[in-house]
Amino acid sequence: MKYILGIGGVTNGGKTTLTNKLIKTLPNCCVVHQDDFFKVLITALDMEAMTNTIKGWMENPVKFARSHGVSLSPVPAVASDKEQIHILIVEGFLLYNYAPLLDVFDKCYYIAIPYEDCKRRRSTRQYTVPDPPGLFDGHVWPMYLKHRQQMEESGLNIEYLDGLKSKEEIYNQVYEDIQNNVLNRL
């Protein structure tokens, strides 16, 4: 069984932290980080390449996992293909605004935090290329609001997560939800 979940949300909301914790505990779990698909022009994303990467996982999750250095769980000799669980986490800030991706997700999560908390977290992060003064208020936050509104209007079934909860609370909520969803599909 293949299961694809999206972990989207605001910048510095905790997407990567949650993803990194999940990939350590979920069986046969791979990840695609949207940040890995920035084009040379820092403001552009290569969403087509990201979509093709996800399709590669969908075609053969075992081959994908091995090519990405993911250790696979041993499979009992009697297990059928349907009993083998392969999970892909797609993590990023603009996952739910790109039409070709919308149909691939089995479950969508979205981490949100208020403006002040987001601005504070972003100001304490060390980026390879530091944010120029005024970037957050002049571009980052307004674009977040624009894209969030578009996402909400798309009608996609998204589970919103409170990014102000502890990392452990968010992880436990999502992990339990994934376990329930995967077990219900077997």
C-alpha atoms as a PDB file:
ATOM      1  CA  MET A   1       0.000   0.000   0.000  1.00  0.00           C
ATOM      2  CA  LYS A   2       1.201   3.473  -0.868  1.00  0.00           C
ATOM      3  CA  TYR A   3       0.284   6.454   1.280  1.00  0.00           C
ATOM      4  CA  ILE A   4       1.198  10.062   0.451  1.00  0.00           C
ATOM      5  CA  LEU A   5       0.794  12.850   2.941  1.00  0.00           C
ATOM      6  CA  GLY A   6       1.454  16.534   2.589  1.00  0.00           C
ATOM      7  CA  ILE A   7       2.824  18.691   5.360  1.00  0.00           C
ATOM      8  CA  GLY A   8       2.339  22.297   4.366  1.00  0.00           C
ATOM      9  CA  GLY A   9       2.187  25.557   6.191  1.00  0.00           C
ATOM     10  CA  VAL A  10       3.600  28.940   6.898  1.00  0.00           C
ATOM     11  CA  THR A  11       7.332  29.634   6.816  1.00  0.00           C
ATOM     12  CA  ASN A  12       9.004  28.620  10.087  1.00  0.00           C
ATOM     13  CA  GLY A  13       5.833  26.899  11.265  1.00  0.00           C
ATOM     14  CA  GLY A  14       7.473  23.558  12.097  1.00  0.00           C
ATOM     15  CA  LYS A  15       6.977  21.588   8.859  1.00  0.00           C
ATOM     16  CA  THR A  16      10.529  20.256   8.638  1.00  0.00           C
ATOM     17  CA  THR A  17      10.711  19.522  12.365  1.00  0.00           C
ATOM     18  CA  LEU A  18       7.539  17.422  12.150  1.00  0.00           C
ATOM     19  CA  THR A  19       8.681  15.726   8.945  1.00  0.00           C
ATOM     20  CA  ASN A  20      12.077  14.789  10.384  1.00  0.00           C
ATOM     21  CA  LYS A  21      10.445  13.227  13.427  1.00  0.00           C
ATOM     22  CA  LEU A  22       7.937  11.268  11.328  1.00  0.00           C
ATOM     23  CA  ILE A  23      10.545   9.824   8.944  1.00  0.00           C
ATOM     24  CA  LYS A  24      12.378   8.372  11.940  1.00  0.00           C
ATOM     25  CA  THR A  25       9.304   6.514  13.189  1.00  0.00           C
ATOM     26  CA  LEU A  26       7.192   5.578  10.159  1.00  0.00           C
ATOM     27  CA  PRO A  27       7.989   2.383   8.229  1.00  0.00           C
ATOM     28  CA  ASN A  28       9.399   2.631   4.702  1.00  0.00           C
ATOM     29  CA  CYS A  29       9.063   6.391   4.764  1.00  0.00           C
ATOM     30  CA  CYS A  30      10.613   8.732   2.198  1.00  0.00           C
ATOM     31  CA  VAL A  31      10.413  12.502   1.976  1.00  0.00           C
ATOM     32  CA  VAL A  32      10.344  15.111  -0.763  1.00  0.00           C
ATOM     33  CA  HIS A  33      11.199  18.606   0.495  1.00  0.00           C
ATOM     34  CA  GLN A  34       9.844  21.439  -1.628  1.00  0.00           C
ATOM     35  CA  ASP A  35      12.889  23.508  -0.654  1.00  0.00           C
ATOM     36  CA  ASP A  36      15.023  21.083  -2.696  1.00  0.00           C
ATOM     37  CA  PHE A  37      13.274  22.326  -5.839  1.00  0.00           C
ATOM     38  CA  PHE A  38      14.206  25.999  -5.769  1.00  0.00           C
ATOM     39  CA  LYS A  39      15.485  27.122  -9.132  1.00  0.00           C
ATOM     40  CA  VAL A  40      18.611  29.231  -9.487  1.00  0.00           C
ATOM     41  CA  LEU A  41      16.338  32.249  -9.196  1.00  0.00           C
ATOM     42  CA  ILE A  42      15.628  32.027  -5.455  1.00  0.00           C
ATOM     43  CA  THR A  43      12.010  33.155  -5.853  1.00  0.00           C
ATOM     44  CA  ALA A  44      11.144  30.351  -8.275  1.00  0.00           C
ATOM     45  CA  LEU A  45      10.235  26.739  -7.570  1.00  0.00           C
ATOM     46  CA  ASP A  46      10.527  23.925 -10.074  1.00  0.00           C
ATOM     47  CA  MET A  47       7.152  22.394  -9.281  1.00  0.00           C
ATOM     48  CA  GLU A  48       7.229  20.232 -12.412  1.00  0.00           C
ATOM     49  CA  ALA A  49      10.455  18.555 -11.260  1.00  0.00           C
ATOM     50  CA  MET A  50       8.955  18.064  -7.802  1.00  0.00           C
ATOM     51  CA  THR A  51       5.833  16.494  -9.306  1.00  0.00           C
ATOM     52  CA  ASN A  52       7.989  14.157 -11.412  1.00  0.00           C
ATOM     53  CA  THR A  53       9.920  13.124  -8.292  1.00  0.00           C
ATOM     54  CA  ILE A  54       6.650  12.274  -6.535  1.00  0.00           C
ATOM     55  CA  LYS A  55       5.475  10.298  -9.573  1.00  0.00           C
ATOM     56  CA  GLY A  56       8.762   8.371  -9.465  1.00  0.00           C
ATOM     57  CA  TRP A  57       7.976   7.340  -5.897  1.00  0.00           C
ATOM     58  CA  MET A  58       4.418   6.400  -6.896  1.00  0.00           C
ATOM     59  CA  GLU A  59       5.702   4.132  -9.674  1.00  0.00           C
ATOM     60  CA  ASN A  60       8.198   2.277  -7.484  1.00  0.00           C
ATOM     61  CA  PRO A  61       8.526   3.279  -3.822  1.00  0.00           C
ATOM     62  CA  VAL A  62      11.087   0.538  -3.119  1.00  0.00           C
ATOM     63  CA  LYS A  63      13.428   1.705  -5.882  1.00  0.00           C
ATOM     64  CA  PHE A  64      12.900   5.336  -4.826  1.00  0.00           C
ATOM     65  CA  ALA A  65      13.701   4.540  -1.191  1.00  0.00           C
ATOM     66  CA  ARG A  66      16.858   2.649  -2.083  1.00  0.00           C
ATOM     67  CA  SER A  67      18.070   5.406  -4.405  1.00  0.00           C
ATOM     68  CA  HIS A  68      17.564   7.915  -1.583  1.00  0.00           C
ATOM     69  CA  GLY A  69      19.355   5.832   1.052  1.00  0.00           C
ATOM     70  CA  VAL A  70      16.231   4.897   3.006  1.00  0.00           C
ATOM     71  CA  SER A  71      16.397   1.604   4.885  1.00  0.00           C
ATOM     72  CA  LEU A  72      13.299  -0.464   4.246  1.00  0.00           C
ATOM     73  CA  SER A  73      11.562  -2.560   6.875  1.00  0.00           C
ATOM     74  CA  PRO A  74      11.924  -6.305   6.410  1.00  0.00           C
ATOM     75  CA  VAL A  75       8.852  -7.772   4.724  1.00  0.00           C
ATOM     76  CA  PRO A  76       7.569 -11.184   5.822  1.00  0.00           C
ATOM     77  CA  ALA A  77       7.720 -13.748   3.017  1.00  0.00           C
ATOM     78  CA  VAL A  78       3.935 -14.167   3.155  1.00  0.00           C
ATOM     79  CA  ALA A  79       3.189 -10.441   2.839  1.00  0.00           C
ATOM     80  CA  SER A  80       1.369  -9.373  -0.293  1.00  0.00           C
ATOM     81  CA  ASP A  81       2.002  -6.083  -2.103  1.00  0.00           C
ATOM     82  CA  LYS A  82      -1.088  -4.632  -0.422  1.00  0.00           C
ATOM     83  CA  GLU A  83       0.302  -5.465   3.028  1.00  0.00           C
ATOM     84  CA  GLN A  84       3.584  -3.666   2.373  1.00  0.00           C
ATOM     85  CA  ILE A  85       3.281  -0.080   3.539  1.00  0.00           C
ATOM     86  CA  HIS A  86       5.242   2.666   1.787  1.00  0.00           C
ATOM     87  CA  ILE A  87       4.804   6.247   2.947  1.00  0.00           C
ATOM     88  CA  LEU A  88       5.867   9.434   1.179  1.00  0.00           C
ATOM     89  CA  ILE A  89       5.878  12.763   2.985  1.00  0.00           C
ATOM     90  CA  VAL A  90       5.812  15.814   0.733  1.00  0.00           C
ATOM     91  CA  GLU A  91       6.818  18.840   2.778  1.00  0.00           C
ATOM     92  CA  GLY A  92       6.724  22.498   1.791  1.00  0.00           C
ATOM     93  CA  PHE A  93       5.075  25.876   1.992  1.00  0.00           C
ATOM     94  CA  LEU A  94       3.213  25.872  -1.371  1.00  0.00           C
ATOM     95  CA  LEU A  95       2.045  22.284  -1.691  1.00  0.00           C
ATOM     96  CA  TYR A  96      -1.654  22.907  -1.985  1.00  0.00           C
ATOM     97  CA  ASN A  97      -1.560  25.628  -4.649  1.00  0.00           C
ATOM     98  CA  TYR A  98      -0.238  23.549  -7.543  1.00  0.00           C
ATOM     99  CA  ALA A  99      -3.071  21.764  -9.360  1.00  0.00           C
ATOM    100  CA  PRO A 100      -1.075  18.736 -10.659  1.00  0.00           C
ATOM    101  CA  LEU A 101      -0.211  17.801  -7.062  1.00  0.00           C
ATOM    102  CA  LEU A 102      -3.643  18.084  -5.486  1.00  0.00           C
ATOM    103  CA  ASP A 103      -4.826  14.602  -6.463  1.00  0.00           C
ATOM    104  CA  VAL A 104      -1.763  12.726  -5.194  1.00  0.00           C
ATOM    105  CA  PHE A 105      -2.272  13.360  -1.482  1.00  0.00           C
ATOM    106  CA  ASP A 106      -4.040  10.827   0.708  1.00  0.00           C
ATOM    107  CA  LYS A 107      -3.892  13.258   3.622  1.00  0.00           C
ATOM    108  CA  CYS A 108      -3.051  16.968   3.870  1.00  0.00           C
ATOM    109  CA  TYR A 109      -1.812  18.764   6.974  1.00  0.00           C
ATOM    110  CA  TYR A 110      -1.239  22.482   7.293  1.00  0.00           C
ATOM    111  CA  ILE A 111       0.672  24.085  10.160  1.00  0.00           C
ATOM    112  CA  ALA A 112      -0.363  27.651  10.950  1.00  0.00           C
ATOM    113  CA  ILE A 113       1.024  30.185  13.410  1.00  0.00           C
ATOM    114  CA  PRO A 114       0.091  33.834  13.969  1.00  0.00           C
ATOM    115  CA  TYR A 115       1.945  36.718  12.319  1.00  0.00           C
ATOM    116  CA  GLU A 116       3.961  37.815  15.379  1.00  0.00           C
ATOM    117  CA  ASP A 117       5.188  34.296  16.135  1.00  0.00           C
ATOM    118  CA  CYS A 118       6.072  33.687  12.501  1.00  0.00           C
ATOM    119  CA  LYS A 119       7.996  36.951  12.248  1.00  0.00           C
ATOM    120  CA  ARG A 120       9.864  36.234  15.495  1.00  0.00           C
ATOM    121  CA  ARG A 121      10.795  32.685  14.429  1.00  0.00           C
ATOM    122  CA  ARG A 122      11.938  33.810  10.996  1.00  0.00           C
ATOM    123  CA  SER A 123      14.078  36.601  12.465  1.00  0.00           C
ATOM    124  CA  THR A 124      15.972  34.082  14.609  1.00  0.00           C
ATOM    125  CA  ARG A 125      16.736  31.659  11.738  1.00  0.00           C
ATOM    126  CA  GLN A 126      20.092  31.758   9.993  1.00  0.00           C
ATOM    127  CA  TYR A 127      19.622  31.612   6.222  1.00  0.00           C
ATOM    128  CA  THR A 128      22.415  31.163   3.681  1.00  0.00           C
ATOM    129  CA  VAL A 129      21.241  34.405   2.109  1.00  0.00           C
ATOM    130  CA  PRO A 130      19.868  36.595   4.920  1.00  0.00           C
ATOM    131  CA  ASP A 131      16.503  38.279   4.473  1.00  0.00           C
ATOM    132  CA  PRO A 132      16.916  41.903   3.414  1.00  0.00           C
ATOM    133  CA  PRO A 133      15.206  44.435   5.698  1.00  0.00           C
ATOM    134  CA  GLY A 134      11.463  44.601   5.131  1.00  0.00           C
ATOM    135  CA  LEU A 135      11.216  41.297   3.218  1.00  0.00           C
ATOM    136  CA  PHE A 136       8.961  39.615   5.775  1.00  0.00           C
ATOM    137  CA  ASP A 137       6.384  42.415   6.010  1.00  0.00           C
ATOM    138  CA  GLY A 138       6.677  43.488   2.384  1.00  0.00           C
ATOM    139  CA  HIS A 139       6.671  40.098   0.674  1.00  0.00           C
ATOM    140  CA  VAL A 140       6.760  36.918   2.798  1.00  0.00           C
ATOM    141  CA  TRP A 141       3.673  37.493   4.954  1.00  0.00           C
ATOM    142  CA  PRO A 142       1.473  39.088   2.233  1.00  0.00           C
ATOM    143  CA  MET A 143       2.295  36.198  -0.145  1.00  0.00           C
ATOM    144  CA  TYR A 144       1.546  33.691   2.617  1.00  0.00           C
ATOM    145  CA  LEU A 145      -1.891  35.261   3.122  1.00  0.00           C
ATOM    146  CA  LYS A 146      -2.567  35.284  -0.629  1.00  0.00           C
ATOM    147  CA  HIS A 147      -1.572  31.645  -1.123  1.00  0.00           C
ATOM    148  CA  ARG A 148      -3.406  30.496   1.998  1.00  0.00           C
ATOM    149  CA  GLN A 149      -6.614  32.118   0.745  1.00  0.00           C
ATOM    150  CA  GLN A 150      -6.217  30.414  -2.649  1.00  0.00           C
ATOM    151  CA  MET A 151      -5.599  27.099  -0.901  1.00  0.00           C
ATOM    152  CA  GLU A 152      -8.676  27.478   1.285  1.00  0.00           C
ATOM    153  CA  GLU A 153     -10.810  28.322  -1.756  1.00  0.00           C
ATOM    154  CA  SER A 154      -9.622  25.185  -3.587  1.00  0.00           C
ATOM    155  CA  GLY A 155     -11.877  22.966  -1.474  1.00  0.00           C
ATOM    156  CA  LEU A 156      -9.060  20.539  -0.668  1.00  0.00           C
ATOM    157  CA  ASN A 157      -9.643  18.561   2.530  1.00  0.00           C
ATOM    158  CA  ILE A 158      -6.895  19.886   4.803  1.00  0.00           C
ATOM    159  CA  GLU A 159      -6.338  19.232   8.485  1.00  0.00           C
ATOM    160  CA  TYR A 160      -5.086  22.396  10.145  1.00  0.00           C
ATOM    161  CA  LEU A 161      -2.530  22.072  12.930  1.00  0.00           C
ATOM    162  CA  ASP A 162      -1.839  24.676  15.605  1.00  0.00           C
ATOM    163  CA  GLY A 163       1.864  25.446  15.220  1.00  0.00           C
ATOM    164  CA  LEU A 164       1.928  26.971  18.708  1.00  0.00           C
ATOM    165  CA  LYS A 165       1.403  23.572  20.300  1.00  0.00           C
ATOM    166  CA  SER A 166       4.513  21.749  21.451  1.00  0.00           C
ATOM    167  CA  LYS A 167       6.488  19.808  18.848  1.00  0.00           C
ATOM    168  CA  GLU A 168       5.613  16.619  20.711  1.00  0.00           C
ATOM    169  CA  GLU A 169       1.862  17.359  20.708  1.00  0.00           C
ATOM    170  CA  ILE A 170       1.841  18.047  16.977  1.00  0.00           C
ATOM    171  CA  TYR A 171       3.900  14.931  16.268  1.00  0.00           C
ATOM    172  CA  ASN A 172       1.647  12.719  18.423  1.00  0.00           C
ATOM    173  CA  GLN A 173      -1.501  14.078  16.759  1.00  0.00           C
ATOM    174  CA  VAL A 174      -0.184  13.488  13.239  1.00  0.00           C
ATOM    175  CA  TYR A 175       1.470  10.138  13.990  1.00  0.00           C
ATOM    176  CA  GLU A 176      -1.725   8.770  15.549  1.00  0.00           C
ATOM    177  CA  ASP A 177      -3.787  10.069  12.628  1.00  0.00           C
ATOM    178  CA  ILE A 178      -1.446   8.437  10.092  1.00  0.00           C
ATOM    179  CA  GLN A 179      -1.544   5.141  11.979  1.00  0.00           C
ATOM    180  CA  ASN A 180      -5.357   5.215  12.012  1.00  0.00           C
ATOM    181  CA  ASN A 181      -5.583   6.135   8.315  1.00  0.00           C
ATOM    182  CA  VAL A 182      -3.087   3.484   7.226  1.00  0.00           C
ATOM    183  CA  LEU A 183      -4.706   0.754   9.328  1.00  0.00           C
ATOM    184  CA  ASN A 184      -8.143   1.661   7.956  1.00  0.00           C
ATOM    185  CA  ARG A 185      -6.861   1.229   4.397  1.00  0.00           C
ATOM    186  CA  LEU A 186      -5.330  -2.226   4.886  1.00  0.00           C
END
